[in-house]
Amino acid sequence: MPDVELLLDCQSSIGESPTWFAATSAIYWIDVKEPALHCLSAGGTHSHWRVGSDIGAFALLDGGAAAVVALRNGLFQLDFATGNTVLLAGPPFDPAHFRLNEGICDAHGRFWVGVMYDPLSDIAVTTPKAAMHRFTFADGLTAAGDWSDLHNGFAWDVEGTAFYWSPSHAHAVFRAPYDGKSGTVGGPVAFADISPNEGVPAGAAMDEEGCYWRAVHGGSALHRYDAAGSLISRVALPVSQATMCAFVGRDLDEMVVTSARQRLTPEQRLREPHAGGLFRLRPGVRGVVRPCTLR
């Protein structure tokens, strides 16, 4: 069982989307509800950029000089030098009910982004589901099917020819063939599920052995699945609300895990003083590169 250490006590409301940027040896992540994009440099400097509404995902631009951030009220380009944002695409839904959630780039520079039903009031909607989308500067924001109330767990297989994702409230993970040339996701098949008693499947990562790792929100654990979808190991975590894992480091032999403190009771916060922190471990296997640059 690998040791899990606190890397940064950042006290995120909902930490999410940890990402390794090899060009600068930096780790990026977001805080969804205290909305900001964060960065931990190779030298240990912690920086952050506040954004205007809930942030669900991001992709990097221009060698790390800027980012595209997926906010409740649309996709924006964020300039790191000034902190200024420019609207690229409006929200493809009513932002009073939904926000963008979870994102991943493919090897060709497309930015895939999901959605979450996260209403700002008690007003009901006909369906609490919206479509997954993909974005490029050439084509804009385009619907790509798979309607869900919570997209999560995005990952590519080792070759980049299969796409994994989880409609989290269904407690399942799906896999589908992926055509990188056309940016087309094929028909999904069930890959793995999780008992509701164990928690909710959250963000994911892929290792070089073709195994799929996912954080279990509410389960104080990471789960690792082999290529056939069988659960082969668990890693216990010191926080209950893990949100996503990512391989980091020059050799991708370390892993970081983001977490959340939102909705914890005062008693739970006493038991989990570092909830919302960024954690690190050595999982004993190397990861594969997760593309994070939009072109």
Protein backbone atom coordinates (compact mmCIF):
# COMPACT_ATOMS: atom_id res chain seq x y z
CA MET A 1 0.00 0.00 0.00
CA PRO A 2 1.65 3.29 -1.06
CA ASP A 3 2.05 6.07 1.47
CA VAL A 4 -0.13 9.10 0.83
CA GLU A 5 1.28 12.51 1.83
CA LEU A 6 -0.17 15.98 1.85
CA LEU A 7 1.53 17.95 -0.94
CA LEU A 8 -0.33 21.24 -0.45
CA ASP A 9 -2.92 22.16 2.17
CA CYS A 10 -4.87 24.35 -0.28
CA GLN A 11 -8.27 23.88 1.43
CA SER A 12 -10.18 23.75 -1.85
CA SER A 13 -13.93 23.82 -1.70
CA ILE A 14 -13.99 21.31 -4.58
CA GLY A 15 -10.48 20.65 -5.89
CA GLU A 16 -10.58 19.03 -9.33
CA SER A 17 -8.77 18.29 -12.60
CA PRO A 18 -5.13 17.88 -11.48
CA THR A 19 -2.94 18.07 -14.59
CA TRP A 20 0.78 17.65 -15.19
CA PHE A 21 2.31 20.13 -17.66
CA ALA A 22 5.64 18.64 -18.64
CA ALA A 23 6.94 21.74 -20.45
CA THR A 24 7.28 23.62 -17.17
CA SER A 25 7.13 20.70 -14.68
CA ALA A 26 4.06 22.26 -13.08
CA ILE A 27 0.86 20.84 -11.64
CA TYR A 28 -2.39 22.64 -12.45
CA TRP A 29 -5.81 22.09 -10.87
CA ILE A 30 -9.05 23.95 -10.23
CA ASP A 31 -11.30 24.87 -7.34
CA VAL A 32 -14.82 24.60 -8.72
CA LYS A 33 -16.81 26.63 -6.21
CA GLU A 34 -14.22 29.15 -5.05
CA PRO A 35 -13.62 29.44 -8.74
CA ALA A 36 -9.98 29.60 -9.70
CA LEU A 37 -7.29 27.85 -11.71
CA HIS A 38 -4.30 26.92 -9.54
CA CYS A 39 -0.68 26.07 -10.33
CA LEU A 40 2.11 24.54 -8.25
CA SER A 41 5.47 25.21 -9.91
CA ALA A 42 8.48 22.92 -9.89
CA GLY A 43 10.03 25.23 -7.30
CA GLY A 44 7.01 24.99 -5.02
CA THR A 45 5.40 28.35 -5.80
CA HIS A 46 1.61 28.26 -5.58
CA SER A 47 -0.22 30.64 -7.94
CA HIS A 48 -3.88 31.03 -8.78
CA TRP A 49 -6.16 32.96 -11.14
CA ARG A 50 -9.71 33.81 -10.07
CA VAL A 51 -12.48 33.35 -12.63
CA GLY A 52 -16.00 34.69 -12.83
CA SER A 53 -18.16 31.62 -12.20
CA ASP A 54 -17.97 27.92 -11.33
CA ILE A 55 -15.10 26.30 -13.23
CA GLY A 56 -15.37 22.69 -14.36
CA ALA A 57 -12.32 22.09 -16.56
CA PHE A 58 -9.47 23.74 -18.43
CA ALA A 59 -6.96 23.26 -21.25
CA LEU A 60 -3.61 25.03 -21.65
CA LEU A 61 -2.52 27.27 -24.54
CA ASP A 62 0.59 28.96 -25.93
CA GLY A 63 3.18 26.93 -24.08
CA GLY A 64 1.50 27.56 -20.75
CA ALA A 65 0.97 31.33 -21.15
CA ALA A 66 -2.81 31.02 -21.18
CA ALA A 67 -5.69 28.60 -20.76
CA VAL A 68 -9.20 27.94 -21.95
CA VAL A 69 -11.42 27.63 -18.90
CA ALA A 70 -14.82 25.93 -18.92
CA LEU A 71 -17.08 28.03 -16.69
CA ARG A 72 -20.75 27.94 -15.84
CA ASN A 73 -21.31 30.86 -18.20
CA GLY A 74 -19.25 29.57 -21.12
CA LEU A 75 -15.74 28.92 -22.43
CA PHE A 76 -13.24 31.72 -21.88
CA GLN A 77 -9.61 32.31 -22.73
CA LEU A 78 -7.64 33.24 -19.60
CA ASP A 79 -4.38 35.17 -19.92
CA PHE A 80 -2.03 34.23 -17.08
CA ALA A 81 -0.03 37.45 -17.24
CA THR A 82 -3.02 39.76 -16.78
CA GLY A 83 -5.76 37.50 -15.40
CA ASN A 84 -8.09 38.83 -18.10
CA THR A 85 -10.67 36.58 -19.74
CA VAL A 86 -12.25 36.69 -23.19
CA LEU A 87 -15.44 34.82 -24.09
CA LEU A 88 -14.92 32.11 -26.72
CA ALA A 89 -18.30 30.37 -26.62
CA GLY A 90 -21.46 30.88 -24.62
CA PRO A 91 -22.92 28.08 -22.49
CA PRO A 92 -24.74 25.38 -24.51
CA PHE A 93 -27.46 25.18 -21.83
CA ASP A 94 -29.24 27.31 -19.25
CA PRO A 95 -26.49 28.18 -16.74
CA ALA A 96 -29.11 28.57 -14.02
CA HIS A 97 -29.38 24.78 -14.09
CA PHE A 98 -26.15 23.40 -15.55
CA ARG A 99 -22.42 24.03 -15.58
CA LEU A 100 -19.53 22.61 -17.57
CA ASN A 101 -17.75 19.80 -15.74
CA GLU A 102 -14.75 17.59 -16.50
CA GLY A 103 -12.58 18.02 -19.56
CA ILE A 104 -9.76 16.43 -21.50
CA CYS A 105 -7.79 17.21 -24.66
CA ASP A 106 -7.10 14.58 -27.26
CA ALA A 107 -3.76 14.15 -29.04
CA HIS A 108 -5.00 16.35 -31.91
CA GLY A 109 -5.74 19.32 -29.64
CA ARG A 110 -9.52 19.03 -29.34
CA PHE A 111 -10.96 19.91 -25.93
CA TRP A 112 -13.69 17.54 -24.77
CA VAL A 113 -15.87 18.90 -21.99
CA GLY A 114 -18.80 17.44 -20.10
CA VAL A 115 -21.65 18.88 -18.10
CA MET A 116 -23.18 18.69 -14.63
CA TYR A 117 -26.71 19.41 -13.47
CA ASP A 118 -26.00 21.86 -10.66
CA PRO A 119 -28.98 24.22 -10.31
CA LEU A 120 -28.67 27.59 -8.64
CA SER A 121 -32.25 27.43 -7.36
CA ASP A 122 -35.03 24.93 -6.67
CA ILE A 123 -36.67 25.53 -10.04
CA ALA A 124 -37.23 22.15 -11.72
CA VAL A 125 -36.27 21.35 -15.31
CA THR A 126 -37.86 18.89 -17.72
CA THR A 127 -34.67 16.85 -17.94
CA PRO A 128 -31.59 17.27 -15.75
CA LYS A 129 -29.32 16.14 -18.59
CA ALA A 130 -27.21 17.90 -21.23
CA ALA A 131 -24.78 16.82 -23.93
CA MET A 132 -21.04 16.35 -23.89
CA HIS A 133 -19.26 18.85 -26.19
CA ARG A 134 -15.94 19.30 -27.93
CA PHE A 135 -14.20 22.59 -28.71
CA THR A 136 -11.62 23.81 -31.21
CA PHE A 137 -10.87 27.35 -32.29
CA ALA A 138 -11.77 26.37 -35.85
CA ASP A 139 -15.12 24.69 -35.13
CA GLY A 140 -16.21 26.29 -31.87
CA LEU A 141 -18.25 24.38 -29.29
CA THR A 142 -19.98 21.36 -30.86
CA ALA A 143 -22.41 18.91 -29.25
CA ALA A 144 -21.04 15.36 -29.26
CA GLY A 145 -23.87 13.31 -27.79
CA ASP A 146 -23.99 11.30 -24.56
CA TRP A 147 -26.52 13.27 -22.53
CA SER A 148 -25.88 13.04 -18.80
CA ASP A 149 -26.50 14.86 -15.53
CA LEU A 150 -22.83 14.45 -14.51
CA HIS A 151 -19.98 13.65 -16.89
CA ASN A 152 -16.83 12.49 -15.14
CA GLY A 153 -13.88 10.11 -15.33
CA PHE A 154 -12.53 11.13 -18.77
CA ALA A 155 -9.46 9.20 -19.95
CA TRP A 156 -7.84 7.78 -23.09
CA ASP A 157 -6.37 4.32 -23.38
CA VAL A 158 -2.62 3.93 -23.93
CA GLU A 159 -2.92 4.18 -27.72
CA GLY A 160 -5.51 6.99 -27.67
CA THR A 161 -8.00 4.83 -29.56
CA ALA A 162 -10.53 4.33 -26.76
CA PHE A 163 -12.33 6.91 -24.65
CA TYR A 164 -13.46 6.28 -21.06
CA TRP A 165 -16.02 8.32 -19.15
CA SER A 166 -18.45 7.98 -16.31
CA PRO A 167 -22.00 9.26 -15.89
CA SER A 168 -21.28 9.34 -12.18
CA HIS A 169 -24.82 9.12 -10.84
CA ALA A 170 -25.23 5.86 -12.77
CA HIS A 171 -22.25 4.49 -10.79
CA ALA A 172 -20.73 3.19 -14.01
CA VAL A 173 -17.80 3.69 -16.38
CA PHE A 174 -18.11 3.27 -20.14
CA ARG A 175 -15.56 2.73 -22.89
CA ALA A 176 -15.95 3.55 -26.58
CA PRO A 177 -13.71 3.40 -29.65
CA TYR A 178 -12.26 6.77 -30.60
CA ASP A 179 -11.25 7.98 -34.06
CA GLY A 180 -8.65 10.65 -33.42
CA LYS A 181 -8.55 11.84 -37.03
CA SER A 182 -12.23 12.75 -37.12
CA GLY A 183 -12.74 13.30 -33.39
CA THR A 184 -15.57 10.78 -33.28
CA VAL A 185 -16.58 8.65 -30.30
CA GLY A 186 -18.12 5.30 -31.23
CA GLY A 187 -20.73 3.21 -29.49
CA PRO A 188 -20.13 2.79 -25.75
CA VAL A 189 -19.91 -0.49 -23.85
CA ALA A 190 -20.00 -0.97 -20.10
CA PHE A 191 -16.52 -1.12 -18.59
CA ALA A 192 -16.90 -1.09 -14.81
CA ASP A 193 -19.38 -0.17 -12.12
CA ILE A 194 -19.27 0.69 -8.45
CA SER A 195 -21.68 -0.05 -5.65
CA PRO A 196 -23.54 3.05 -4.43
CA ASN A 197 -22.46 1.99 -0.94
CA GLU A 198 -18.81 2.56 -1.86
CA GLY A 199 -19.16 6.11 -3.17
CA VAL A 200 -19.47 7.97 -6.46
CA PRO A 201 -17.02 7.44 -9.36
CA ALA A 202 -15.11 10.65 -10.00
CA GLY A 203 -12.03 11.73 -11.99
CA ALA A 204 -9.66 9.24 -13.56
CA ALA A 205 -6.19 8.52 -14.96
CA MET A 206 -4.63 5.78 -17.11
CA ASP A 207 -1.37 3.95 -16.41
CA GLU A 208 1.13 2.42 -18.84
CA GLU A 209 -0.18 -1.09 -18.14
CA GLY A 210 -3.58 -0.12 -19.52
CA CYS A 211 -5.22 0.12 -16.10
CA TYR A 212 -7.82 2.75 -15.28
CA TRP A 213 -7.56 4.59 -11.96
CA ARG A 214 -10.43 6.56 -10.52
CA ALA A 215 -11.08 8.57 -7.41
CA VAL A 216 -14.08 7.48 -5.36
CA HIS A 217 -15.91 10.49 -3.96
CA GLY A 218 -17.32 9.59 -0.57
CA GLY A 219 -15.28 6.40 -0.45
CA SER A 220 -11.89 7.62 0.89
CA ALA A 221 -10.12 5.68 -1.84
CA LEU A 222 -8.66 5.28 -5.29
CA HIS A 223 -9.68 2.23 -7.33
CA ARG A 224 -7.55 0.62 -10.04
CA TYR A 225 -9.16 -1.50 -12.80
CA ASP A 226 -7.45 -3.74 -15.32
CA ALA A 227 -8.14 -3.53 -19.05
CA ALA A 228 -11.08 -5.92 -18.68
CA GLY A 229 -12.76 -3.68 -16.09
CA SER A 230 -11.99 -5.83 -13.04
CA LEU A 231 -11.14 -4.03 -9.80
CA ILE A 232 -7.60 -5.14 -8.91
CA SER A 233 -6.54 -2.79 -6.11
CA ARG A 234 -7.60 -0.01 -3.76
CA VAL A 235 -5.56 2.79 -2.21
CA ALA A 236 -6.90 4.25 1.03
CA LEU A 237 -6.90 8.04 1.32
CA PRO A 238 -6.94 10.31 4.40
CA VAL A 239 -9.93 12.26 3.04
CA SER A 240 -13.40 11.01 2.17
CA GLN A 241 -14.12 13.24 -0.85
CA ALA A 242 -11.39 12.45 -3.39
CA THR A 243 -12.23 14.05 -6.73
CA MET A 244 -9.56 13.10 -9.29
CA CYS A 245 -6.12 11.54 -9.66
CA ALA A 246 -3.33 12.31 -12.15
CA PHE A 247 0.15 10.99 -12.89
CA VAL A 248 2.84 13.64 -12.49
CA GLY A 249 6.60 14.04 -12.48
CA ARG A 250 9.29 13.75 -15.13
CA ASP A 251 8.82 9.97 -15.31
CA LEU A 252 5.08 10.04 -14.55
CA ASP A 253 5.80 7.73 -11.61
CA GLU A 254 4.04 9.86 -9.01
CA MET A 255 0.34 10.55 -8.61
CA VAL A 256 -1.51 13.51 -7.15
CA VAL A 257 -5.08 13.49 -5.90
CA THR A 258 -7.40 16.46 -5.47
CA SER A 259 -10.13 16.52 -2.84
CA ALA A 260 -13.10 18.53 -1.58
CA ARG A 261 -14.30 19.92 1.72
CA GLN A 262 -17.67 21.20 0.51
CA ARG A 263 -20.64 19.67 2.37
CA LEU A 264 -18.51 18.14 5.14
CA THR A 265 -20.04 18.61 8.56
CA PRO A 266 -18.04 20.34 11.32
CA GLU A 267 -17.41 16.91 12.84
CA GLN A 268 -16.14 15.54 9.53
CA ARG A 269 -13.84 18.51 9.09
CA LEU A 270 -12.33 17.80 12.49
CA ARG A 271 -11.66 14.22 11.38
CA GLU A 272 -10.34 15.41 7.98
CA PRO A 273 -8.37 18.59 8.72
CA HIS A 274 -6.72 18.53 5.28
CA ALA A 275 -9.88 17.92 3.26
CA GLY A 276 -9.66 20.00 0.10
CA GLY A 277 -5.90 19.44 -0.03
CA LEU A 278 -3.66 18.17 -2.81
CA PHE A 279 -2.14 14.77 -1.99
CA ARG A 280 0.75 12.78 -3.49
CA LEU A 281 1.73 9.11 -3.62
CA ARG A 282 3.93 6.70 -5.56
CA PRO A 283 1.52 4.14 -7.04
CA GLY A 284 4.21 1.69 -8.18
CA VAL A 285 3.42 2.10 -11.89
CA ARG A 286 3.96 4.90 -14.38
CA GLY A 287 1.20 6.78 -16.09
CA VAL A 288 0.64 7.69 -19.71
CA VAL A 289 0.71 11.28 -20.93
CA ARG A 290 -2.66 12.99 -20.55
CA PRO A 291 -2.90 15.60 -23.32
CA CYS A 292 -3.69 19.03 -21.87
CA THR A 293 -2.97 21.46 -24.71
CA LEU A 294 -5.69 22.85 -26.97
CA ARG A 295 -4.75 23.72 -30.54
